[in-house]
Amino acid sequence: VTEVRPGASVTLTRNPDYWGRDLPVARGLWNFDEVRLDFY
C-alpha cells in the first residue's frame, strides 16, 4: 500500500523485490505495476 485517501481510494504498488514472483502459483499473475481501488 503506497497511498490512501480515506473512503475514496487506495493505491497498491507492485513490489519489484517480491520474493515469490517465480513460483509456479504466481507466474503470470500480479502483472500491473500499480493497482488502484477507487470507491464510489
PDB file of all heavy atoms in Angstrom:
ATOM      1  N   VAL A   1       0.859  -1.187   0.000  1.00  0.00           N
ATOM      2  CA  VAL A   1       0.000   0.000   0.000  1.00  0.00           C
ATOM      3  C   VAL A   1       0.891   1.230   0.000  1.00  0.00           C
ATOM      4  O   VAL A   1       1.734   1.401   0.891  1.00  0.00           O
ATOM      5  CB  VAL A   1      -0.931   0.006   1.225  1.00  0.00           C
ATOM      6  CG1 VAL A   1      -1.750   1.304   1.256  1.00  0.00           C
ATOM      7  CG2 VAL A   1      -1.860  -1.203   1.196  1.00  0.00           C
ATOM      8  N   THR A   2       0.702   2.089  -0.997  1.00  0.00           N
ATOM      9  CA  THR A   2       1.563   3.265  -1.112  1.00  0.00           C
ATOM     10  C   THR A   2       0.804   4.578  -0.968  1.00  0.00           C
ATOM     11  O   THR A   2       1.424   5.628  -0.767  1.00  0.00           O
ATOM     12  CB  THR A   2       2.296   3.263  -2.466  1.00  0.00           C
ATOM     13  OG1 THR A   2       1.349   3.089  -3.522  1.00  0.00           O
ATOM     14  CG2 THR A   2       3.315   2.136  -2.502  1.00  0.00           C
ATOM     15  N   GLU A   3      -0.529   4.544  -1.094  1.00  0.00           N
ATOM     16  CA  GLU A   3      -1.294   5.782  -0.925  1.00  0.00           C
ATOM     17  C   GLU A   3      -2.704   5.440  -0.484  1.00  0.00           C
ATOM     18  O   GLU A   3      -3.310   4.494  -0.988  1.00  0.00           O
ATOM     19  CB  GLU A   3      -1.344   6.581  -2.228  1.00  0.00           C
ATOM     20  CG  GLU A   3      -2.072   7.923  -2.090  1.00  0.00           C
ATOM     21  CD  GLU A   3      -2.149   8.690  -3.399  1.00  0.00           C
ATOM     22  OE1 GLU A   3      -1.631   8.197  -4.410  1.00  0.00           O
ATOM     23  OE2 GLU A   3      -2.757   9.783  -3.405  1.00  0.00           O
ATOM     24  N   VAL A   4      -3.224   6.213   0.475  1.00  0.00           N
ATOM     25  CA  VAL A   4      -4.582   6.016   0.967  1.00  0.00           C
ATOM     26  C   VAL A   4      -5.289   7.363   1.023  1.00  0.00           C
ATOM     27  O   VAL A   4      -4.779   8.308   1.627  1.00  0.00           O
ATOM     28  CB  VAL A   4      -4.587   5.373   2.370  1.00  0.00           C
ATOM     29  CG1 VAL A   4      -6.024   5.209   2.871  1.00  0.00           C
ATOM     30  CG2 VAL A   4      -3.874   4.031   2.360  1.00  0.00           C
ATOM     31  N   ARG A   5      -6.439   7.434   0.375  1.00  0.00           N
ATOM     32  CA  ARG A   5      -7.334   8.580   0.527  1.00  0.00           C
ATOM     33  C   ARG A   5      -8.569   8.042   1.230  1.00  0.00           C
ATOM     34  O   ARG A   5      -9.384   7.362   0.601  1.00  0.00           O
ATOM     35  CB  ARG A   5      -7.685   9.183  -0.836  1.00  0.00           C
ATOM     36  CG  ARG A   5      -6.490   9.808  -1.556  1.00  0.00           C
ATOM     37  CD  ARG A   5      -6.854  10.222  -2.963  1.00  0.00           C
ATOM     38  NE  ARG A   5      -7.990  11.133  -2.974  1.00  0.00           N
ATOM     39  CZ  ARG A   5      -8.906  11.160  -3.932  1.00  0.00           C
ATOM     40  NH1 ARG A   5      -8.849  10.310  -4.941  1.00  0.00           N
ATOM     41  NH2 ARG A   5      -9.908  12.018  -3.873  1.00  0.00           N
ATOM     42  N   PRO A   6      -8.689   8.275   2.537  1.00  0.00           N
ATOM     43  CA  PRO A   6      -9.740   7.621   3.330  1.00  0.00           C
ATOM     44  C   PRO A   6     -11.121   7.723   2.692  1.00  0.00           C
ATOM     45  O   PRO A   6     -11.584   8.800   2.336  1.00  0.00           O
ATOM     46  CB  PRO A   6      -9.672   8.367   4.664  1.00  0.00           C
ATOM     47  CG  PRO A   6      -8.247   8.792   4.775  1.00  0.00           C
ATOM     48  CD  PRO A   6      -7.844   9.162   3.370  1.00  0.00           C
ATOM     49  N   GLY A   7     -11.750   6.564   2.548  1.00  0.00           N
ATOM     50  CA  GLY A   7     -13.088   6.494   1.993  1.00  0.00           C
ATOM     51  C   GLY A   7     -13.163   6.638   0.498  1.00  0.00           C
ATOM     52  O   GLY A   7     -14.225   6.428  -0.091  1.00  0.00           O
ATOM     53  N   ALA A   8     -12.051   6.999  -0.150  1.00  0.00           N
ATOM     54  CA  ALA A   8     -12.089   7.312  -1.580  1.00  0.00           C
ATOM     55  C   ALA A   8     -11.252   6.364  -2.435  1.00  0.00           C
ATOM     56  O   ALA A   8     -11.731   5.851  -3.446  1.00  0.00           O
ATOM     57  CB  ALA A   8     -11.626   8.749  -1.820  1.00  0.00           C
ATOM     58  N   SER A   9      -9.992   6.131  -2.061  1.00  0.00           N
ATOM     59  CA  SER A   9      -9.146   5.289  -2.907  1.00  0.00           C
ATOM     60  C   SER A   9      -7.964   4.738  -2.123  1.00  0.00           C
ATOM     61  O   SER A   9      -7.543   5.311  -1.114  1.00  0.00           O
ATOM     62  CB  SER A   9      -8.636   6.059  -4.134  1.00  0.00           C
ATOM     63  OG  SER A   9      -7.671   7.014  -3.745  1.00  0.00           O
ATOM     64  N   VAL A  10      -7.451   3.637  -2.632  1.00  0.00           N
ATOM     65  CA  VAL A  10      -6.231   3.020  -2.107  1.00  0.00           C
ATOM     66  C   VAL A  10      -5.375   2.644  -3.308  1.00  0.00           C
ATOM     67  O   VAL A  10      -5.873   2.078  -4.291  1.00  0.00           O
ATOM     68  CB  VAL A  10      -6.535   1.759  -1.267  1.00  0.00           C
ATOM     69  CG1 VAL A  10      -5.244   1.071  -0.832  1.00  0.00           C
ATOM     70  CG2 VAL A  10      -7.378   2.107  -0.052  1.00  0.00           C
ATOM     71  N   THR A  11      -4.096   2.957  -3.239  1.00  0.00           N
ATOM     72  CA  THR A  11      -3.174   2.614  -4.313  1.00  0.00           C
ATOM     73  C   THR A  11      -2.206   1.546  -3.828  1.00  0.00           C
ATOM     74  O   THR A  11      -1.577   1.691  -2.771  1.00  0.00           O
ATOM     75  CB  THR A  11      -2.383   3.839  -4.793  1.00  0.00           C
ATOM     76  OG1 THR A  11      -3.311   4.828  -5.282  1.00  0.00           O
ATOM     77  CG2 THR A  11      -1.425   3.466  -5.902  1.00  0.00           C
ATOM     78  N   LEU A  12      -2.112   0.464  -4.600  1.00  0.00           N
ATOM     79  CA  LEU A  12      -1.175  -0.622  -4.329  1.00  0.00           C
ATOM     80  C   LEU A  12      -0.097  -0.599  -5.399  1.00  0.00           C
ATOM     81  O   LEU A  12      -0.397  -0.488  -6.593  1.00  0.00           O
ATOM     82  CB  LEU A  12      -1.890  -1.975  -4.362  1.00  0.00           C
ATOM     83  CG  LEU A  12      -3.187  -2.113  -3.556  1.00  0.00           C
ATOM     84  CD1 LEU A  12      -3.819  -3.480  -3.810  1.00  0.00           C
ATOM     85  CD2 LEU A  12      -2.922  -1.926  -2.074  1.00  0.00           C
ATOM     86  N   THR A  13       1.142  -0.697  -4.989  1.00  0.00           N
ATOM     87  CA  THR A  13       2.263  -0.669  -5.920  1.00  0.00           C
ATOM     88  C   THR A  13       2.998  -2.006  -5.874  1.00  0.00           C
ATOM     89  O   THR A  13       3.288  -2.519  -4.784  1.00  0.00           O
ATOM     90  CB  THR A  13       3.233   0.472  -5.587  1.00  0.00           C
ATOM     91  OG1 THR A  13       2.518   1.721  -5.643  1.00  0.00           O
ATOM     92  CG2 THR A  13       4.392   0.513  -6.570  1.00  0.00           C
ATOM     93  N   ARG A  14       3.272  -2.548  -7.043  1.00  0.00           N
ATOM     94  CA  ARG A  14       3.927  -3.855  -7.109  1.00  0.00           C
ATOM     95  C   ARG A  14       5.331  -3.771  -6.528  1.00  0.00           C
ATOM     96  O   ARG A  14       6.097  -2.854  -6.833  1.00  0.00           O
ATOM     97  CB  ARG A  14       3.974  -4.352  -8.562  1.00  0.00           C
ATOM     98  CG  ARG A  14       4.443  -5.795  -8.701  1.00  0.00           C
ATOM     99  CD  ARG A  14       3.972  -6.396 -10.029  1.00  0.00           C
ATOM    100  NE  ARG A  14       4.460  -5.643 -11.164  1.00  0.00           N
ATOM    101  CZ  ARG A  14       5.629  -5.863 -11.766  1.00  0.00           C
ATOM    102  NH1 ARG A  14       6.429  -6.802 -11.318  1.00  0.00           N
ATOM    103  NH2 ARG A  14       5.990  -5.144 -12.804  1.00  0.00           N
ATOM    104  N   ASN A  15       5.651  -4.727  -5.685  1.00  0.00           N
ATOM    105  CA  ASN A  15       6.967  -4.788  -5.050  1.00  0.00           C
ATOM    106  C   ASN A  15       7.955  -5.413  -6.041  1.00  0.00           C
ATOM    107  O   ASN A  15       7.838  -6.596  -6.367  1.00  0.00           O
ATOM    108  CB  ASN A  15       6.879  -5.635  -3.776  1.00  0.00           C
ATOM    109  CG  ASN A  15       8.207  -5.750  -3.048  1.00  0.00           C
ATOM    110  OD1 ASN A  15       9.198  -5.143  -3.457  1.00  0.00           O
ATOM    111  ND2 ASN A  15       8.236  -6.532  -1.989  1.00  0.00           N
ATOM    112  N   PRO A  16       8.922  -4.653  -6.532  1.00  0.00           N
ATOM    113  CA  PRO A  16       9.863  -5.212  -7.518  1.00  0.00           C
ATOM    114  C   PRO A  16      10.718  -6.329  -6.934  1.00  0.00           C
ATOM    115  O   PRO A  16      11.295  -7.135  -7.682  1.00  0.00           O
ATOM    116  CB  PRO A  16      10.713  -4.001  -7.917  1.00  0.00           C
ATOM    117  CG  PRO A  16      10.604  -3.060  -6.770  1.00  0.00           C
ATOM    118  CD  PRO A  16       9.232  -3.252  -6.203  1.00  0.00           C
ATOM    119  N   ASP A  17      10.799  -6.385  -5.610  1.00  0.00           N
ATOM    120  CA  ASP A  17      11.584  -7.425  -4.952  1.00  0.00           C
ATOM    121  C   ASP A  17      10.703  -8.535  -4.382  1.00  0.00           C
ATOM    122  O   ASP A  17      11.137  -9.265  -3.480  1.00  0.00           O
ATOM    123  CB  ASP A  17      12.416  -6.806  -3.820  1.00  0.00           C
ATOM    124  CG  ASP A  17      13.380  -5.748  -4.324  1.00  0.00           C
ATOM    125  OD1 ASP A  17      13.990  -5.971  -5.391  1.00  0.00           O
ATOM    126  OD2 ASP A  17      13.511  -4.689  -3.669  1.00  0.00           O
ATOM    127  N   TYR A  18       9.473  -8.637  -4.888  1.00  0.00           N
ATOM    128  CA  TYR A  18       8.566  -9.671  -4.385  1.00  0.00           C
ATOM    129  C   TYR A  18       9.240 -11.034  -4.451  1.00  0.00           C
ATOM    130  O   TYR A  18       9.654 -11.496  -5.504  1.00  0.00           O
ATOM    131  CB  TYR A  18       7.275  -9.668  -5.201  1.00  0.00           C
ATOM    132  CG  TYR A  18       6.348 -10.818  -4.903  1.00  0.00           C
ATOM    133  CD1 TYR A  18       6.016 -11.165  -3.589  1.00  0.00           C
ATOM    134  CD2 TYR A  18       5.807 -11.575  -5.941  1.00  0.00           C
ATOM    135  CE1 TYR A  18       5.167 -12.221  -3.328  1.00  0.00           C
ATOM    136  CE2 TYR A  18       4.932 -12.625  -5.681  1.00  0.00           C
ATOM    137  CZ  TYR A  18       4.632 -12.957  -4.373  1.00  0.00           C
ATOM    138  OH  TYR A  18       3.786 -14.009  -4.113  1.00  0.00           O
ATOM    139  N   TRP A  19       9.304 -11.675  -3.314  1.00  0.00           N
ATOM    140  CA  TRP A  19      10.067 -12.911  -3.192  1.00  0.00           C
ATOM    141  C   TRP A  19       9.494 -14.059  -4.022  1.00  0.00           C
ATOM    142  O   TRP A  19      10.229 -14.933  -4.481  1.00  0.00           O
ATOM    143  CB  TRP A  19      10.108 -13.342  -1.717  1.00  0.00           C
ATOM    144  CG  TRP A  19       8.785 -13.907  -1.261  1.00  0.00           C
ATOM    145  CD1 TRP A  19       7.710 -13.228  -0.794  1.00  0.00           C
ATOM    146  CD2 TRP A  19       8.408 -15.286  -1.319  1.00  0.00           C
ATOM    147  NE1 TRP A  19       6.678 -14.075  -0.539  1.00  0.00           N
ATOM    148  CE2 TRP A  19       7.073 -15.349  -0.849  1.00  0.00           C
ATOM    149  CE3 TRP A  19       9.039 -16.468  -1.713  1.00  0.00           C
ATOM    150  CZ2 TRP A  19       6.373 -16.554  -0.765  1.00  0.00           C
ATOM    151  CZ3 TRP A  19       8.352 -17.662  -1.623  1.00  0.00           C
ATOM    152  CH2 TRP A  19       7.031 -17.701  -1.150  1.00  0.00           C
ATOM    153  N   GLY A  20       8.157 -14.069  -4.239  1.00  0.00           N
ATOM    154  CA  GLY A  20       7.514 -15.232  -4.848  1.00  0.00           C
ATOM    155  C   GLY A  20       7.207 -15.101  -6.320  1.00  0.00           C
ATOM    156  O   GLY A  20       6.450 -15.913  -6.862  1.00  0.00           O
ATOM    157  N   ARG A  21       7.790 -14.116  -6.998  1.00  0.00           N
ATOM    158  CA  ARG A  21       7.374 -13.839  -8.375  1.00  0.00           C
ATOM    159  C   ARG A  21       7.634 -15.001  -9.335  1.00  0.00           C
ATOM    160  O   ARG A  21       6.969 -15.113 -10.372  1.00  0.00           O
ATOM    161  CB  ARG A  21       8.067 -12.579  -8.887  1.00  0.00           C
ATOM    162  CG  ARG A  21       9.587 -12.639  -8.920  1.00  0.00           C
ATOM    163  CD  ARG A  21      10.176 -11.303  -9.370  1.00  0.00           C
ATOM    164  NE  ARG A  21      11.635 -11.313  -9.351  1.00  0.00           N
ATOM    165  CZ  ARG A  21      12.364 -10.988  -8.289  1.00  0.00           C
ATOM    166  NH1 ARG A  21      11.744 -10.612  -7.171  1.00  0.00           N
ATOM    167  NH2 ARG A  21      13.676 -11.018  -8.328  1.00  0.00           N
ATOM    168  N   ASP A  22       8.578 -15.898  -9.007  1.00  0.00           N
ATOM    169  CA  ASP A  22       8.891 -17.009  -9.914  1.00  0.00           C
ATOM    170  C   ASP A  22       8.273 -18.327  -9.477  1.00  0.00           C
ATOM    171  O   ASP A  22       8.545 -19.375 -10.088  1.00  0.00           O
ATOM    172  CB  ASP A  22      10.418 -17.169 -10.030  1.00  0.00           C
ATOM    173  CG  ASP A  22      11.071 -15.958 -10.685  1.00  0.00           C
ATOM    174  OD1 ASP A  22      10.471 -15.418 -11.629  1.00  0.00           O
ATOM    175  OD2 ASP A  22      12.167 -15.557 -10.256  1.00  0.00           O
ATOM    176  N   LEU A  23       7.450 -18.309  -8.447  1.00  0.00           N
ATOM    177  CA  LEU A  23       6.789 -19.540  -8.019  1.00  0.00           C
ATOM    178  C   LEU A  23       5.766 -19.977  -9.069  1.00  0.00           C
ATOM    179  O   LEU A  23       5.149 -19.131  -9.734  1.00  0.00           O
ATOM    180  CB  LEU A  23       6.081 -19.327  -6.685  1.00  0.00           C
ATOM    181  CG  LEU A  23       6.952 -19.088  -5.447  1.00  0.00           C
ATOM    182  CD1 LEU A  23       6.045 -18.811  -4.245  1.00  0.00           C
ATOM    183  CD2 LEU A  23       7.852 -20.284  -5.170  1.00  0.00           C
ATOM    184  N   PRO A  24       5.520 -21.270  -9.215  1.00  0.00           N
ATOM    185  CA  PRO A  24       4.502 -21.727 -10.184  1.00  0.00           C
ATOM    186  C   PRO A  24       3.118 -21.128  -9.921  1.00  0.00           C
ATOM    187  O   PRO A  24       2.382 -20.862 -10.872  1.00  0.00           O
ATOM    188  CB  PRO A  24       4.501 -23.247  -9.992  1.00  0.00           C
ATOM    189  CG  PRO A  24       5.861 -23.577  -9.470  1.00  0.00           C
ATOM    190  CD  PRO A  24       6.252 -22.404  -8.620  1.00  0.00           C
ATOM    191  N   VAL A  25       2.753 -20.902  -8.648  1.00  0.00           N
ATOM    192  CA  VAL A  25       1.423 -20.355  -8.350  1.00  0.00           C
ATOM    193  C   VAL A  25       1.348 -18.860  -8.596  1.00  0.00           C
ATOM    194  O   VAL A  25       0.259 -18.274  -8.530  1.00  0.00           O
ATOM    195  CB  VAL A  25       1.011 -20.653  -6.890  1.00  0.00           C
ATOM    196  CG1 VAL A  25       0.801 -22.136  -6.669  1.00  0.00           C
ATOM    197  CG2 VAL A  25       2.019 -20.075  -5.891  1.00  0.00           C
ATOM    198  N   ALA A  26       2.482 -18.211  -8.877  1.00  0.00           N
ATOM    199  CA  ALA A  26       2.491 -16.760  -9.102  1.00  0.00           C
ATOM    200  C   ALA A  26       2.872 -16.380 -10.524  1.00  0.00           C
ATOM    201  O   ALA A  26       2.624 -15.247 -10.934  1.00  0.00           O
ATOM    202  CB  ALA A  26       3.456 -16.088  -8.119  1.00  0.00           C
ATOM    203  N   ARG A  27       3.428 -17.302 -11.265  1.00  0.00           N
ATOM    204  CA  ARG A  27       3.878 -16.986 -12.618  1.00  0.00           C
ATOM    205  C   ARG A  27       2.678 -16.612 -13.487  1.00  0.00           C
ATOM    206  O   ARG A  27       1.697 -17.349 -13.559  1.00  0.00           O
ATOM    207  CB  ARG A  27       4.627 -18.180 -13.208  1.00  0.00           C
ATOM    208  CG  ARG A  27       5.369 -17.869 -14.496  1.00  0.00           C
ATOM    209  CD  ARG A  27       6.274 -19.022 -14.917  1.00  0.00           C
ATOM    210  NE  ARG A  27       7.394 -19.177 -13.972  1.00  0.00           N
ATOM    211  CZ  ARG A  27       7.643 -20.287 -13.291  1.00  0.00           C
ATOM    212  NH1 ARG A  27       6.858 -21.334 -13.414  1.00  0.00           N
ATOM    213  NH2 ARG A  27       8.680 -20.348 -12.487  1.00  0.00           N
ATOM    214  N   GLY A  28       2.738 -15.456 -14.131  1.00  0.00           N
ATOM    215  CA  GLY A  28       1.641 -14.981 -14.960  1.00  0.00           C
ATOM    216  C   GLY A  28       0.595 -14.182 -14.212  1.00  0.00           C
ATOM    217  O   GLY A  28      -0.359 -13.688 -14.811  1.00  0.00           O
ATOM    218  N   LEU A  29       0.762 -14.040 -12.886  1.00  0.00           N
ATOM    219  CA  LEU A  29      -0.164 -13.246 -12.078  1.00  0.00           C
ATOM    220  C   LEU A  29       0.521 -11.948 -11.648  1.00  0.00           C
ATOM    221  O   LEU A  29       1.726 -11.776 -11.807  1.00  0.00           O
ATOM    222  CB  LEU A  29      -0.606 -14.022 -10.835  1.00  0.00           C
ATOM    223  CG  LEU A  29      -1.776 -15.001 -10.989  1.00  0.00           C
ATOM    224  CD1 LEU A  29      -1.351 -16.217 -11.811  1.00  0.00           C
ATOM    225  CD2 LEU A  29      -2.283 -15.447  -9.633  1.00  0.00           C
ATOM    226  N   TRP A  30      -0.305 -11.019 -11.076  1.00  0.00           N
ATOM    227  CA  TRP A  30       0.208  -9.788 -10.473  1.00  0.00           C
ATOM    228  C   TRP A  30       1.051  -9.005 -11.484  1.00  0.00           C
ATOM    229  O   TRP A  30       2.212  -8.696 -11.247  1.00  0.00           O
ATOM    230  CB  TRP A  30       1.043 -10.099  -9.228  1.00  0.00           C
ATOM    231  CG  TRP A  30       0.494 -11.210  -8.383  1.00  0.00           C
ATOM    232  CD1 TRP A  30       1.094 -12.398  -8.104  1.00  0.00           C
ATOM    233  CD2 TRP A  30      -0.762 -11.212  -7.684  1.00  0.00           C
ATOM    234  NE1 TRP A  30       0.295 -13.165  -7.288  1.00  0.00           N
ATOM    235  CE2 TRP A  30      -0.851 -12.466  -7.015  1.00  0.00           C
ATOM    236  CE3 TRP A  30      -1.822 -10.316  -7.572  1.00  0.00           C
ATOM    237  CZ2 TRP A  30      -1.957 -12.818  -6.247  1.00  0.00           C
ATOM    238  CZ3 TRP A  30      -2.923 -10.676  -6.805  1.00  0.00           C
ATOM    239  CH2 TRP A  30      -2.977 -11.903  -6.149  1.00  0.00           C
ATOM    240  N   ASN A  31       0.441  -8.698 -12.636  1.00  0.00           N
ATOM    241  CA  ASN A  31       1.198  -8.146 -13.756  1.00  0.00           C
ATOM    242  C   ASN A  31       1.244  -6.625 -13.801  1.00  0.00           C
ATOM    243  O   ASN A  31       2.066  -6.066 -14.531  1.00  0.00           O
ATOM    244  CB  ASN A  31       0.594  -8.671 -15.065  1.00  0.00           C
ATOM    245  CG  ASN A  31       0.637 -10.186 -15.138  1.00  0.00           C
ATOM    246  OD1 ASN A  31       1.672 -10.804 -14.886  1.00  0.00           O
ATOM    247  ND2 ASN A  31      -0.489 -10.804 -15.459  1.00  0.00           N
ATOM    248  N   PHE A  32       0.378  -5.941 -13.066  1.00  0.00           N
ATOM    249  CA  PHE A  32       0.327  -4.480 -13.135  1.00  0.00           C
ATOM    250  C   PHE A  32       1.311  -3.858 -12.146  1.00  0.00           C
ATOM    251  O   PHE A  32       1.434  -4.308 -11.007  1.00  0.00           O
ATOM    252  CB  PHE A  32      -1.089  -3.989 -12.839  1.00  0.00           C
ATOM    253  CG  PHE A  32      -2.099  -4.439 -13.852  1.00  0.00           C
ATOM    254  CD1 PHE A  32      -2.826  -5.610 -13.664  1.00  0.00           C
ATOM    255  CD2 PHE A  32      -2.309  -3.711 -15.017  1.00  0.00           C
ATOM    256  CE1 PHE A  32      -3.745  -6.037 -14.592  1.00  0.00           C
ATOM    257  CE2 PHE A  32      -3.235  -4.130 -15.962  1.00  0.00           C
ATOM    258  CZ  PHE A  32      -3.951  -5.298 -15.752  1.00  0.00           C
ATOM    259  N   ASP A  33       1.978  -2.813 -12.595  1.00  0.00           N
ATOM    260  CA  ASP A  33       2.873  -2.095 -11.683  1.00  0.00           C
ATOM    261  C   ASP A  33       2.091  -1.424 -10.563  1.00  0.00           C
ATOM    262  O   ASP A  33       2.602  -1.268  -9.452  1.00  0.00           O
ATOM    263  CB  ASP A  33       3.675  -1.032 -12.445  1.00  0.00           C
ATOM    264  CG  ASP A  33       4.781  -1.638 -13.294  1.00  0.00           C
ATOM    265  OD1 ASP A  33       5.120  -2.817 -13.080  1.00  0.00           O
ATOM    266  OD2 ASP A  33       5.294  -0.932 -14.189  1.00  0.00           O
ATOM    267  N   GLU A  34       0.864  -1.040 -10.875  1.00  0.00           N
ATOM    268  CA  GLU A  34       0.051  -0.341  -9.884  1.00  0.00           C
ATOM    269  C   GLU A  34      -1.389  -0.830  -9.984  1.00  0.00           C
ATOM    270  O   GLU A  34      -1.915  -1.032 -11.081  1.00  0.00           O
ATOM    271  CB  GLU A  34       0.118   1.169 -10.132  1.00  0.00           C
ATOM    272  CG  GLU A  34      -0.557   2.019  -9.082  1.00  0.00           C
ATOM    273  CD  GLU A  34      -0.351   3.503  -9.336  1.00  0.00           C
ATOM    274  OE1 GLU A  34       0.752   4.007  -9.034  1.00  0.00           O
ATOM    275  OE2 GLU A  34      -1.278   4.152  -9.871  1.00  0.00           O
ATOM    276  N   VAL A  35      -2.012  -1.019  -8.841  1.00  0.00           N
ATOM    277  CA  VAL A  35      -3.430  -1.348  -8.752  1.00  0.00           C
ATOM    278  C   VAL A  35      -4.083  -0.280  -7.895  1.00  0.00           C
ATOM    279  O   VAL A  35      -3.676  -0.070  -6.745  1.00  0.00           O
ATOM    280  CB  VAL A  35      -3.660  -2.742  -8.145  1.00  0.00           C
ATOM    281  CG1 VAL A  35      -5.153  -2.989  -7.930  1.00  0.00           C
ATOM    282  CG2 VAL A  35      -3.072  -3.822  -9.044  1.00  0.00           C
ATOM    283  N   ARG A  36      -5.075   0.377  -8.462  1.00  0.00           N
ATOM    284  CA  ARG A  36      -5.750   1.439  -7.725  1.00  0.00           C
ATOM    285  C   ARG A  36      -7.202   1.046  -7.481  1.00  0.00           C
ATOM    286  O   ARG A  36      -7.890   0.591  -8.401  1.00  0.00           O
ATOM    287  CB  ARG A  36      -5.691   2.749  -8.501  1.00  0.00           C
ATOM    288  CG  ARG A  36      -6.427   3.894  -7.813  1.00  0.00           C
ATOM    289  CD  ARG A  36      -6.076   5.217  -8.422  1.00  0.00           C
ATOM    290  NE  ARG A  36      -7.117   6.206  -8.180  1.00  0.00           N
ATOM    291  CZ  ARG A  36      -6.931   7.513  -8.301  1.00  0.00           C
ATOM    292  NH1 ARG A  36      -5.763   7.974  -8.645  1.00  0.00           N
ATOM    293  NH2 ARG A  36      -7.921   8.336  -8.088  1.00  0.00           N
ATOM    294  N   LEU A  37      -7.648   1.208  -6.256  1.00  0.00           N
ATOM    295  CA  LEU A  37      -9.005   0.877  -5.853  1.00  0.00           C
ATOM    296  C   LEU A  37      -9.759   2.169  -5.609  1.00  0.00           C
ATOM    297  O   LEU A  37      -9.501   2.870  -4.626  1.00  0.00           O
ATOM    298  CB  LEU A  37      -8.986   0.023  -4.581  1.00  0.00           C
ATOM    299  CG  LEU A  37      -8.007  -1.161  -4.572  1.00  0.00           C
ATOM    300  CD1 LEU A  37      -7.919  -1.762  -3.180  1.00  0.00           C
ATOM    301  CD2 LEU A  37      -8.408  -2.202  -5.585  1.00  0.00           C
ATOM    302  N   ASP A  38     -10.657   2.507  -6.526  1.00  0.00           N
ATOM    303  CA  ASP A  38     -11.452   3.733  -6.395  1.00  0.00           C
ATOM    304  C   ASP A  38     -12.853   3.360  -5.912  1.00  0.00           C
ATOM    305  O   ASP A  38     -13.482   2.439  -6.447  1.00  0.00           O
ATOM    306  CB  ASP A  38     -11.550   4.464  -7.734  1.00  0.00           C
ATOM    307  CG  ASP A  38     -10.269   5.195  -8.089  1.00  0.00           C
ATOM    308  OD1 ASP A  38      -9.433   5.394  -7.187  1.00  0.00           O
ATOM    309  OD2 ASP A  38     -10.096   5.554  -9.270  1.00  0.00           O
ATOM    310  N   PHE A  39     -13.363   4.111  -4.940  1.00  0.00           N
ATOM    311  CA  PHE A  39     -14.655   3.815  -4.332  1.00  0.00           C
ATOM    312  C   PHE A  39     -15.683   4.859  -4.753  1.00  0.00           C
ATOM    313  O   PHE A  39     -15.397   6.056  -4.788  1.00  0.00           O
ATOM    314  CB  PHE A  39     -14.529   3.781  -2.806  1.00  0.00           C
ATOM    315  CG  PHE A  39     -13.776   2.574  -2.307  1.00  0.00           C
ATOM    316  CD1 PHE A  39     -12.393   2.522  -2.355  1.00  0.00           C
ATOM    317  CD2 PHE A  39     -14.454   1.477  -1.803  1.00  0.00           C
ATOM    318  CE1 PHE A  39     -11.696   1.407  -1.908  1.00  0.00           C
ATOM    319  CE2 PHE A  39     -13.776   0.351  -1.356  1.00  0.00           C
ATOM    320  CZ  PHE A  39     -12.392   0.325  -1.407  1.00  0.00           C
ATOM    321  N   TYR A  40     -16.892   4.366  -5.060  1.00  0.00           N
ATOM    322  CA  TYR A  40     -17.990   5.217  -5.483  1.00  0.00           C
ATOM    323  C   TYR A  40     -19.180   4.984  -4.563  1.00  0.00           C
ATOM    324  O   TYR A  40     -19.509   3.846  -4.232  1.00  0.00           O
ATOM    325  CB  TYR A  40     -18.382   4.917  -6.938  1.00  0.00           C
ATOM    326  CG  TYR A  40     -17.293   5.257  -7.926  1.00  0.00           C
ATOM    327  CD1 TYR A  40     -16.274   4.350  -8.214  1.00  0.00           C
ATOM    328  CD2 TYR A  40     -17.258   6.503  -8.548  1.00  0.00           C
ATOM    329  CE1 TYR A  40     -15.261   4.659  -9.110  1.00  0.00           C
ATOM    330  CE2 TYR A  40     -16.248   6.824  -9.443  1.00  0.00           C
ATOM    331  CZ  TYR A  40     -15.247   5.899  -9.716  1.00  0.00           C
ATOM    332  OH  TYR A  40     -14.244   6.223 -10.595  1.00  0.00           O
TER     333      TYR A  40
END
